[in-house]
Amino acid sequence: MSPHRAAPERPNRLWISFLHITFGACLVLVGGGIVALPLDWELRSGFAAGLVALVWSSFTLGETMVLIAQDPAQRKRRENESPGSGPAQRGI
């Protein structure tokens, strides 16, 4: 067995667009559900903060999975980058 893994196939633009639209729709629906709850605004803001934390951790998990899937040389180069220069800051 070869020590090198085959590069995974990149998803096409249609699939990426579908994922973005689905993510946005889910975010809007959950946010609308939080606003529609028959609770005080203090409780709603707590749920909204939890939603923000969930989305933030999802992006962090996604970036971590990308790092794991990369070649060791790319991973090492990326780990040596300065903090705050991740994909989100570079506009990727």
PDB file of N, CA and C in Angstrom:
ATOM      1  N   MET A   1       0.845  -1.164   0.000  1.00  0.00           N
ATOM      2  CA  MET A   1       0.000   0.000   0.000  1.00  0.00           C
ATOM      3  C   MET A   1       0.896   1.234   0.000  1.00  0.00           C
ATOM      4  N   SER A   2       0.514   2.220  -0.789  1.00  0.00           N
ATOM      5  CA  SER A   2       1.290   3.440  -0.915  1.00  0.00           C
ATOM      6  C   SER A   2       1.093   4.319   0.321  1.00  0.00           C
ATOM      7  N   PRO A   3       2.175   4.980   0.789  1.00  0.00           N
ATOM      8  CA  PRO A   3       2.018   5.853   1.956  1.00  0.00           C
ATOM      9  C   PRO A   3       1.293   7.153   1.620  1.00  0.00           C
ATOM     10  N   HIS A   4       1.138   7.463   0.326  1.00  0.00           N
ATOM     11  CA  HIS A   4       0.467   8.695  -0.071  1.00  0.00           C
ATOM     12  C   HIS A   4      -1.011   8.430  -0.334  1.00  0.00           C
ATOM     13  N   ARG A   5      -1.815   9.312   0.170  1.00  0.00           N
ATOM     14  CA  ARG A   5      -3.246   9.204  -0.075  1.00  0.00           C
ATOM     15  C   ARG A   5      -3.599   9.936  -1.358  1.00  0.00           C
ATOM     16  N   ALA A   6      -4.582   9.430  -2.054  1.00  0.00           N
ATOM     17  CA  ALA A   6      -5.062  10.114  -3.251  1.00  0.00           C
ATOM     18  C   ALA A   6      -5.793  11.388  -2.828  1.00  0.00           C
ATOM     19  N   ALA A   7      -5.627  12.428  -3.606  1.00  0.00           N
ATOM     20  CA  ALA A   7      -6.288  13.697  -3.294  1.00  0.00           C
ATOM     21  C   ALA A   7      -7.797  13.514  -3.423  1.00  0.00           C
ATOM     22  N   PRO A   8      -8.555  14.008  -2.443  1.00  0.00           N
ATOM     23  CA  PRO A   8     -10.012  13.884  -2.548  1.00  0.00           C
ATOM     24  C   PRO A   8     -10.539  14.756  -3.685  1.00  0.00           C
ATOM     25  N   GLU A   9     -11.625  14.323  -4.260  1.00  0.00           N
ATOM     26  CA  GLU A   9     -12.232  15.064  -5.358  1.00  0.00           C
ATOM     27  C   GLU A   9     -12.902  16.316  -4.812  1.00  0.00           C
ATOM     28  N   ARG A  10     -12.655  17.441  -5.478  1.00  0.00           N
ATOM     29  CA  ARG A  10     -13.260  18.702  -5.045  1.00  0.00           C
ATOM     30  C   ARG A  10     -14.737  18.710  -5.417  1.00  0.00           C
ATOM     31  N   PRO A  11     -15.593  19.213  -4.523  1.00  0.00           N
ATOM     32  CA  PRO A  11     -17.016  19.286  -4.854  1.00  0.00           C
ATOM     33  C   PRO A  11     -17.259  20.340  -5.937  1.00  0.00           C
ATOM     34  N   ASN A  12     -18.294  20.137  -6.741  1.00  0.00           N
ATOM     35  CA  ASN A  12     -18.578  21.110  -7.802  1.00  0.00           C
ATOM     36  C   ASN A  12     -19.303  22.331  -7.231  1.00  0.00           C
ATOM     37  N   ARG A  13     -19.423  23.351  -8.066  1.00  0.00           N
ATOM     38  CA  ARG A  13     -20.001  24.628  -7.618  1.00  0.00           C
ATOM     39  C   ARG A  13     -21.462  24.485  -7.194  1.00  0.00           C
ATOM     40  N   LEU A  14     -22.198  23.628  -7.868  1.00  0.00           N
ATOM     41  CA  LEU A  14     -23.603  23.448  -7.522  1.00  0.00           C
ATOM     42  C   LEU A  14     -23.750  22.903  -6.097  1.00  0.00           C
ATOM     43  N   TRP A  15     -22.927  21.937  -5.745  1.00  0.00           N
ATOM     44  CA  TRP A  15     -22.984  21.359  -4.399  1.00  0.00           C
ATOM     45  C   TRP A  15     -22.590  22.400  -3.350  1.00  0.00           C
ATOM     46  N   ILE A  16     -21.571  23.179  -3.633  1.00  0.00           N
ATOM     47  CA  ILE A  16     -21.146  24.213  -2.681  1.00  0.00           C
ATOM     48  C   ILE A  16     -22.248  25.255  -2.511  1.00  0.00           C
ATOM     49  N   SER A  17     -22.887  25.653  -3.617  1.00  0.00           N
ATOM     50  CA  SER A  17     -23.997  26.609  -3.532  1.00  0.00           C
ATOM     51  C   SER A  17     -25.150  26.036  -2.713  1.00  0.00           C
ATOM     52  N   PHE A  18     -25.455  24.769  -2.926  1.00  0.00           N
ATOM     53  CA  PHE A  18     -26.508  24.112  -2.157  1.00  0.00           C
ATOM     54  C   PHE A  18     -26.186  24.138  -0.663  1.00  0.00           C
ATOM     55  N   LEU A  19     -24.942  23.862  -0.317  1.00  0.00           N
ATOM     56  CA  LEU A  19     -24.555  23.877   1.096  1.00  0.00           C
ATOM     57  C   LEU A  19     -24.679  25.267   1.697  1.00  0.00           C
ATOM     58  N   HIS A  20     -24.263  26.291   0.957  1.00  0.00           N
ATOM     59  CA  HIS A  20     -24.374  27.654   1.466  1.00  0.00           C
ATOM     60  C   HIS A  20     -25.830  28.063   1.651  1.00  0.00           C
ATOM     61  N   ILE A  21     -26.663  27.746   0.675  1.00  0.00           N
ATOM     62  CA  ILE A  21     -28.088  28.102   0.767  1.00  0.00           C
ATOM     63  C   ILE A  21     -28.754  27.364   1.922  1.00  0.00           C
ATOM     64  N   THR A  22     -28.454  26.090   2.073  1.00  0.00           N
ATOM     65  CA  THR A  22     -29.038  25.304   3.162  1.00  0.00           C
ATOM     66  C   THR A  22     -28.589  25.826   4.522  1.00  0.00           C
ATOM     67  N   PHE A  23     -27.296  26.133   4.637  1.00  0.00           N
ATOM     68  CA  PHE A  23     -26.777  26.664   5.900  1.00  0.00           C
ATOM     69  C   PHE A  23     -27.457  27.991   6.237  1.00  0.00           C
ATOM     70  N   GLY A  24     -27.567  28.883   5.250  1.00  0.00           N
ATOM     71  CA  GLY A  24     -28.214  30.174   5.490  1.00  0.00           C
ATOM     72  C   GLY A  24     -29.676  30.022   5.869  1.00  0.00           C
ATOM     73  N   ALA A  25     -30.379  29.129   5.174  1.00  0.00           N
ATOM     74  CA  ALA A  25     -31.793  28.906   5.489  1.00  0.00           C
ATOM     75  C   ALA A  25     -31.974  28.364   6.898  1.00  0.00           C
ATOM     76  N   CYS A  26     -31.153  27.426   7.277  1.00  0.00           N
ATOM     77  CA  CYS A  26     -31.248  26.863   8.633  1.00  0.00           C
ATOM     78  C   CYS A  26     -30.945  27.919   9.688  1.00  0.00           C
ATOM     79  N   LEU A  27     -29.952  28.744   9.422  1.00  0.00           N
ATOM     80  CA  LEU A  27     -29.592  29.794  10.371  1.00  0.00           C
ATOM     81  C   LEU A  27     -30.750  30.788  10.528  1.00  0.00           C
ATOM     82  N   VAL A  28     -31.371  31.170   9.417  1.00  0.00           N
ATOM     83  CA  VAL A  28     -32.501  32.098   9.468  1.00  0.00           C
ATOM     84  C   VAL A  28     -33.684  31.460  10.188  1.00  0.00           C
ATOM     85  N   LEU A  29     -33.974  30.207   9.907  1.00  0.00           N
ATOM     86  CA  LEU A  29     -35.101  29.541  10.556  1.00  0.00           C
ATOM     87  C   LEU A  29     -34.897  29.391  12.060  1.00  0.00           C
ATOM     88  N   VAL A  30     -33.701  29.015  12.475  1.00  0.00           N
ATOM     89  CA  VAL A  30     -33.447  28.881  13.914  1.00  0.00           C
ATOM     90  C   VAL A  30     -33.482  30.251  14.584  1.00  0.00           C
ATOM     91  N   GLY A  31     -32.892  31.261  13.926  1.00  0.00           N
ATOM     92  CA  GLY A  31     -32.957  32.614  14.475  1.00  0.00           C
ATOM     93  C   GLY A  31     -34.388  33.114  14.582  1.00  0.00           C
ATOM     94  N   GLY A  32     -35.200  32.855  13.562  1.00  0.00           N
ATOM     95  CA  GLY A  32     -36.610  33.238  13.620  1.00  0.00           C
ATOM     96  C   GLY A  32     -37.358  32.494  14.708  1.00  0.00           C
ATOM     97  N   GLY A  33     -37.001  31.237  14.916  1.00  0.00           N
ATOM     98  CA  GLY A  33     -37.620  30.468  15.995  1.00  0.00           C
ATOM     99  C   GLY A  33     -37.278  31.030  17.362  1.00  0.00           C
ATOM    100  N   ILE A  34     -36.048  31.498  17.515  1.00  0.00           N
ATOM    101  CA  ILE A  34     -35.653  32.096  18.794  1.00  0.00           C
ATOM    102  C   ILE A  34     -36.445  33.380  19.038  1.00  0.00           C
ATOM    103  N   VAL A  35     -36.613  34.194  17.998  1.00  0.00           N
ATOM    104  CA  VAL A  35     -37.372  35.443  18.142  1.00  0.00           C
ATOM    105  C   VAL A  35     -38.839  35.148  18.447  1.00  0.00           C
ATOM    106  N   ALA A  36     -39.379  34.073  17.868  1.00  0.00           N
ATOM    107  CA  ALA A  36     -40.802  33.764  18.039  1.00  0.00           C
ATOM    108  C   ALA A  36     -41.110  33.062  19.367  1.00  0.00           C
ATOM    109  N   LEU A  37     -40.092  32.691  20.124  1.00  0.00           N
ATOM    110  CA  LEU A  37     -40.356  32.014  21.397  1.00  0.00           C
ATOM    111  C   LEU A  37     -41.132  32.915  22.346  1.00  0.00           C
ATOM    112  N   PRO A  38     -42.074  32.363  23.073  1.00  0.00           N
ATOM    113  CA  PRO A  38     -42.832  33.186  24.028  1.00  0.00           C
ATOM    114  C   PRO A  38     -42.071  33.319  25.360  1.00  0.00           C
ATOM    115  N   LEU A  39     -40.876  33.902  25.278  1.00  0.00           N
ATOM    116  CA  LEU A  39     -40.028  34.065  26.455  1.00  0.00           C
ATOM    117  C   LEU A  39     -39.575  35.512  26.569  1.00  0.00           C
ATOM    118  N   ASP A  40     -38.997  35.839  27.705  1.00  0.00           N
ATOM    119  CA  ASP A  40     -38.415  37.171  27.874  1.00  0.00           C
ATOM    120  C   ASP A  40     -37.202  37.316  26.968  1.00  0.00           C
ATOM    121  N   TRP A  41     -36.858  38.574  26.683  1.00  0.00           N
ATOM    122  CA  TRP A  41     -35.723  38.820  25.791  1.00  0.00           C
ATOM    123  C   TRP A  41     -34.405  38.357  26.399  1.00  0.00           C
ATOM    124  N   GLU A  42     -34.310  38.293  27.721  1.00  0.00           N
ATOM    125  CA  GLU A  42     -33.078  37.811  28.353  1.00  0.00           C
ATOM    126  C   GLU A  42     -32.835  36.342  27.988  1.00  0.00           C
ATOM    127  N   LEU A  43     -33.894  35.544  28.019  1.00  0.00           N
ATOM    128  CA  LEU A  43     -33.760  34.134  27.652  1.00  0.00           C
ATOM    129  C   LEU A  43     -33.506  33.967  26.156  1.00  0.00           C
ATOM    130  N   ARG A  44     -34.191  34.781  25.352  1.00  0.00           N
ATOM    131  CA  ARG A  44     -33.966  34.717  23.909  1.00  0.00           C
ATOM    132  C   ARG A  44     -32.528  35.062  23.562  1.00  0.00           C
ATOM    133  N   SER A  45     -31.978  36.062  24.236  1.00  0.00           N
ATOM    134  CA  SER A  45     -30.588  36.442  23.953  1.00  0.00           C
ATOM    135  C   SER A  45     -29.630  35.334  24.368  1.00  0.00           C
ATOM    136  N   GLY A  46     -29.968  34.593  25.395  1.00  0.00           N
ATOM    137  CA  GLY A  46     -29.148  33.449  25.777  1.00  0.00           C
ATOM    138  C   GLY A  46     -29.155  32.361  24.711  1.00  0.00           C
ATOM    139  N   PHE A  47     -30.332  32.097  24.163  1.00  0.00           N
ATOM    140  CA  PHE A  47     -30.419  31.126  23.067  1.00  0.00           C
ATOM    141  C   PHE A  47     -29.668  31.624  21.830  1.00  0.00           C
ATOM    142  N   ALA A  48     -29.770  32.925  21.562  1.00  0.00           N
ATOM    143  CA  ALA A  48     -29.071  33.493  20.403  1.00  0.00           C
ATOM    144  C   ALA A  48     -27.554  33.387  20.593  1.00  0.00           C
ATOM    145  N   ALA A  49     -27.084  33.617  21.800  1.00  0.00           N
ATOM    146  CA  ALA A  49     -25.645  33.472  22.072  1.00  0.00           C
ATOM    147  C   ALA A  49     -25.214  32.021  21.888  1.00  0.00           C
ATOM    148  N   GLY A  50     -26.052  31.097  22.293  1.00  0.00           N
ATOM    149  CA  GLY A  50     -25.757  29.682  22.065  1.00  0.00           C
ATOM    150  C   GLY A  50     -25.714  29.344  20.584  1.00  0.00           C
ATOM    151  N   LEU A  51     -26.600  29.950  19.797  1.00  0.00           N
ATOM    152  CA  LEU A  51     -26.602  29.733  18.348  1.00  0.00           C
ATOM    153  C   LEU A  51     -25.314  30.271  17.722  1.00  0.00           C
ATOM    154  N   VAL A  52     -24.876  31.450  18.143  1.00  0.00           N
ATOM    155  CA  VAL A  52     -23.629  32.015  17.640  1.00  0.00           C
ATOM    156  C   VAL A  52     -22.452  31.111  17.999  1.00  0.00           C
ATOM    157  N   ALA A  53     -22.426  30.613  19.229  1.00  0.00           N
ATOM    158  CA  ALA A  53     -21.342  29.716  19.650  1.00  0.00           C
ATOM    159  C   ALA A  53     -21.356  28.424  18.834  1.00  0.00           C
ATOM    160  N   LEU A  54     -22.537  27.908  18.534  1.00  0.00           N
ATOM    161  CA  LEU A  54     -22.647  26.689  17.738  1.00  0.00           C
ATOM    162  C   LEU A  54     -22.122  26.905  16.321  1.00  0.00           C
ATOM    163  N   VAL A  55     -22.487  28.017  15.707  1.00  0.00           N
ATOM    164  CA  VAL A  55     -22.019  28.318  14.354  1.00  0.00           C
ATOM    165  C   VAL A  55     -20.508  28.513  14.353  1.00  0.00           C
ATOM    166  N   TRP A  56     -19.997  29.234  15.331  1.00  0.00           N
ATOM    167  CA  TRP A  56     -18.562  29.491  15.426  1.00  0.00           C
ATOM    168  C   TRP A  56     -17.795  28.184  15.588  1.00  0.00           C
ATOM    169  N   SER A  57     -18.265  27.316  16.448  1.00  0.00           N
ATOM    170  CA  SER A  57     -17.577  26.038  16.648  1.00  0.00           C
ATOM    171  C   SER A  57     -17.691  25.143  15.417  1.00  0.00           C
ATOM    172  N   SER A  58     -18.771  25.283  14.650  1.00  0.00           N
ATOM    173  CA  SER A  58     -18.899  24.517  13.404  1.00  0.00           C
ATOM    174  C   SER A  58     -17.834  24.934  12.405  1.00  0.00           C
ATOM    175  N   PHE A  59     -17.582  26.226  12.280  1.00  0.00           N
ATOM    176  CA  PHE A  59     -16.526  26.691  11.390  1.00  0.00           C
ATOM    177  C   PHE A  59     -15.160  26.226  11.871  1.00  0.00           C
ATOM    178  N   THR A  60     -14.942  26.249  13.178  1.00  0.00           N
ATOM    179  CA  THR A  60     -13.672  25.783  13.726  1.00  0.00           C
ATOM    180  C   THR A  60     -13.481  24.294  13.451  1.00  0.00           C
ATOM    181  N   LEU A  61     -14.531  23.516  13.620  1.00  0.00           N
ATOM    182  CA  LEU A  61     -14.459  22.082  13.329  1.00  0.00           C
ATOM    183  C   LEU A  61     -14.171  21.844  11.851  1.00  0.00           C
ATOM    184  N   GLY A  62     -14.829  22.607  10.983  1.00  0.00           N
ATOM    185  CA  GLY A  62     -14.580  22.461   9.548  1.00  0.00           C
ATOM    186  C   GLY A  62     -13.142  22.771   9.185  1.00  0.00           C
ATOM    187  N   GLU A  63     -12.589  23.826   9.749  1.00  0.00           N
ATOM    188  CA  GLU A  63     -11.196  24.174   9.472  1.00  0.00           C
ATOM    189  C   GLU A  63     -10.252  23.103  10.011  1.00  0.00           C
ATOM    190  N   THR A  64     -10.575  22.544  11.155  1.00  0.00           N
ATOM    191  CA  THR A  64      -9.747  21.471  11.714  1.00  0.00           C
ATOM    192  C   THR A  64      -9.775  20.241  10.820  1.00  0.00           C
ATOM    193  N   MET A  65     -10.937  19.908  10.285  1.00  0.00           N
ATOM    194  CA  MET A  65     -11.031  18.751   9.389  1.00  0.00           C
ATOM    195  C   MET A  65     -10.226  18.985   8.109  1.00  0.00           C
ATOM    196  N   VAL A  66     -10.219  20.214   7.621  1.00  0.00           N
ATOM    197  CA  VAL A  66      -9.414  20.533   6.439  1.00  0.00           C
ATOM    198  C   VAL A  66      -7.936  20.354   6.763  1.00  0.00           C
ATOM    199  N   LEU A  67      -7.520  20.800   7.929  1.00  0.00           N
ATOM    200  CA  LEU A  67      -6.115  20.643   8.327  1.00  0.00           C
ATOM    201  C   LEU A  67      -5.726  19.176   8.436  1.00  0.00           C
ATOM    202  N   ILE A  68      -6.609  18.359   8.970  1.00  0.00           N
ATOM    203  CA  ILE A  68      -6.313  16.935   9.117  1.00  0.00           C
ATOM    204  C   ILE A  68      -6.204  16.262   7.756  1.00  0.00           C
ATOM    205  N   ALA A  69      -7.020  16.697   6.809  1.00  0.00           N
ATOM    206  CA  ALA A  69      -7.035  16.073   5.489  1.00  0.00           C
ATOM    207  C   ALA A  69      -5.857  16.497   4.623  1.00  0.00           C
ATOM    208  N   GLN A  70      -5.153  17.555   4.995  1.00  0.00           N
ATOM    209  CA  GLN A  70      -4.050  18.046   4.178  1.00  0.00           C
ATOM    210  C   GLN A  70      -2.809  17.181   4.343  1.00  0.00           C
ATOM    211  N   ASP A  71      -1.875  17.375   3.416  1.00  0.00           N
ATOM    212  CA  ASP A  71      -0.585  16.712   3.513  1.00  0.00           C
ATOM    213  C   ASP A  71       0.143  17.213   4.744  1.00  0.00           C
ATOM    214  N   PRO A  72       1.031  16.380   5.317  1.00  0.00           N
ATOM    215  CA  PRO A  72       1.774  16.816   6.508  1.00  0.00           C
ATOM    216  C   PRO A  72       2.586  18.090   6.278  1.00  0.00           C
ATOM    217  N   ALA A  73       3.171  18.274   5.097  1.00  0.00           N
ATOM    218  CA  ALA A  73       3.969  19.476   4.831  1.00  0.00           C
ATOM    219  C   ALA A  73       3.083  20.717   4.836  1.00  0.00           C
ATOM    220  N   GLN A  74       1.891  20.627   4.228  1.00  0.00           N
ATOM    221  CA  GLN A  74       0.974  21.761   4.228  1.00  0.00           C
ATOM    222  C   GLN A  74       0.480  22.050   5.641  1.00  0.00           C
ATOM    223  N   ARG A  75       0.223  20.998   6.397  1.00  0.00           N
ATOM    224  CA  ARG A  75      -0.254  21.167   7.768  1.00  0.00           C
ATOM    225  C   ARG A  75       0.786  21.887   8.606  1.00  0.00           C
ATOM    226  N   LYS A  76       2.054  21.478   8.473  1.00  0.00           N
ATOM    227  CA  LYS A  76       3.115  22.095   9.256  1.00  0.00           C
ATOM    228  C   LYS A  76       3.272  23.560   8.884  1.00  0.00           C
ATOM    229  N   ARG A  77       3.209  23.869   7.582  1.00  0.00           N
ATOM    230  CA  ARG A  77       3.329  25.254   7.144  1.00  0.00           C
ATOM    231  C   ARG A  77       2.170  26.084   7.687  1.00  0.00           C
ATOM    232  N   ARG A  78       0.988  25.501   7.685  1.00  0.00           N
ATOM    233  CA  ARG A  78      -0.185  26.233   8.156  1.00  0.00           C
ATOM    234  C   ARG A  78      -0.152  26.431   9.673  1.00  0.00           C
ATOM    235  N   GLU A  79       0.356  25.448  10.403  1.00  0.00           N
ATOM    236  CA  GLU A  79       0.454  25.584  11.853  1.00  0.00           C
ATOM    237  C   GLU A  79       1.444  26.666  12.242  1.00  0.00           C
ATOM    238  N   ASN A  80       2.449  26.909  11.383  1.00  0.00           N
ATOM    239  CA  ASN A  80       3.462  27.917  11.681  1.00  0.00           C
ATOM    240  C   ASN A  80       3.032  29.322  11.311  1.00  0.00           C
ATOM    241  N   GLU A  81       1.876  29.460  10.643  1.00  0.00           N
ATOM    242  CA  GLU A  81       1.379  30.787  10.316  1.00  0.00           C
ATOM    243  C   GLU A  81       1.010  31.519  11.587  1.00  0.00           C
ATOM    244  N   SER A  82       1.028  32.837  11.489  1.00  0.00           N
ATOM    245  CA  SER A  82       0.700  33.640  12.660  1.00  0.00           C
ATOM    246  C   SER A  82      -0.786  33.509  12.983  1.00  0.00           C
ATOM    247  N   PRO A  83      -1.143  33.642  14.258  1.00  0.00           N
ATOM    248  CA  PRO A  83      -2.553  33.594  14.636  1.00  0.00           C
ATOM    249  C   PRO A  83      -3.309  34.734  13.959  1.00  0.00           C
ATOM    250  N   GLY A  84      -4.538  34.448  13.592  1.00  0.00           N
ATOM    251  CA  GLY A  84      -5.348  35.454  12.936  1.00  0.00           C
ATOM    252  C   GLY A  84      -5.164  35.497  11.440  1.00  0.00           C
ATOM    253  N   SER A  85      -4.470  34.495  10.891  1.00  0.00           N
ATOM    254  CA  SER A  85      -4.288  34.469   9.429  1.00  0.00           C
ATOM    255  C   SER A  85      -4.932  33.225   8.839  1.00  0.00           C
ATOM    256  N   GLY A  86      -5.982  32.725   9.498  1.00  0.00           N
ATOM    257  CA  GLY A  86      -6.682  31.544   9.021  1.00  0.00           C
ATOM    258  C   GLY A  86      -7.511  31.847   7.791  1.00  0.00           C
ATOM    259  N   PRO A  87      -8.214  30.844   7.265  1.00  0.00           N
ATOM    260  CA  PRO A  87      -9.001  31.030   6.048  1.00  0.00           C
ATOM    261  C   PRO A  87     -10.042  32.137   6.167  1.00  0.00           C
ATOM    262  N   ALA A  88     -10.653  32.276   7.326  1.00  0.00           N
ATOM    263  CA  ALA A  88     -11.690  33.302   7.476  1.00  0.00           C
ATOM    264  C   ALA A  88     -11.099  34.703   7.354  1.00  0.00           C
ATOM    265  N   GLN A  89      -9.895  34.909   7.877  1.00  0.00           N
ATOM    266  CA  GLN A  89      -9.254  36.214   7.807  1.00  0.00           C
ATOM    267  C   GLN A  89      -8.694  36.506   6.434  1.00  0.00           C
ATOM    268  N   ARG A  90      -8.362  35.460   5.660  1.00  0.00           N
ATOM    269  CA  ARG A  90      -7.810  35.643   4.323  1.00  0.00           C
ATOM    270  C   ARG A  90      -8.915  35.741   3.284  1.00  0.00           C
ATOM    271  N   GLY A  91     -10.174  35.567   3.679  1.00  0.00           N
ATOM    272  CA  GLY A  91     -11.286  35.682   2.737  1.00  0.00           C
ATOM    273  C   GLY A  91     -11.510  34.413   1.931  1.00  0.00           C
ATOM    274  N   ILE A  92     -11.054  33.282   2.431  1.00  0.00           N
ATOM    275  CA  ILE A  92     -11.233  32.000   1.728  1.00  0.00           C
ATOM    276  C   ILE A  92     -12.540  31.387   2.161  1.00  0.00           C
TER     277      ILE A  92
END
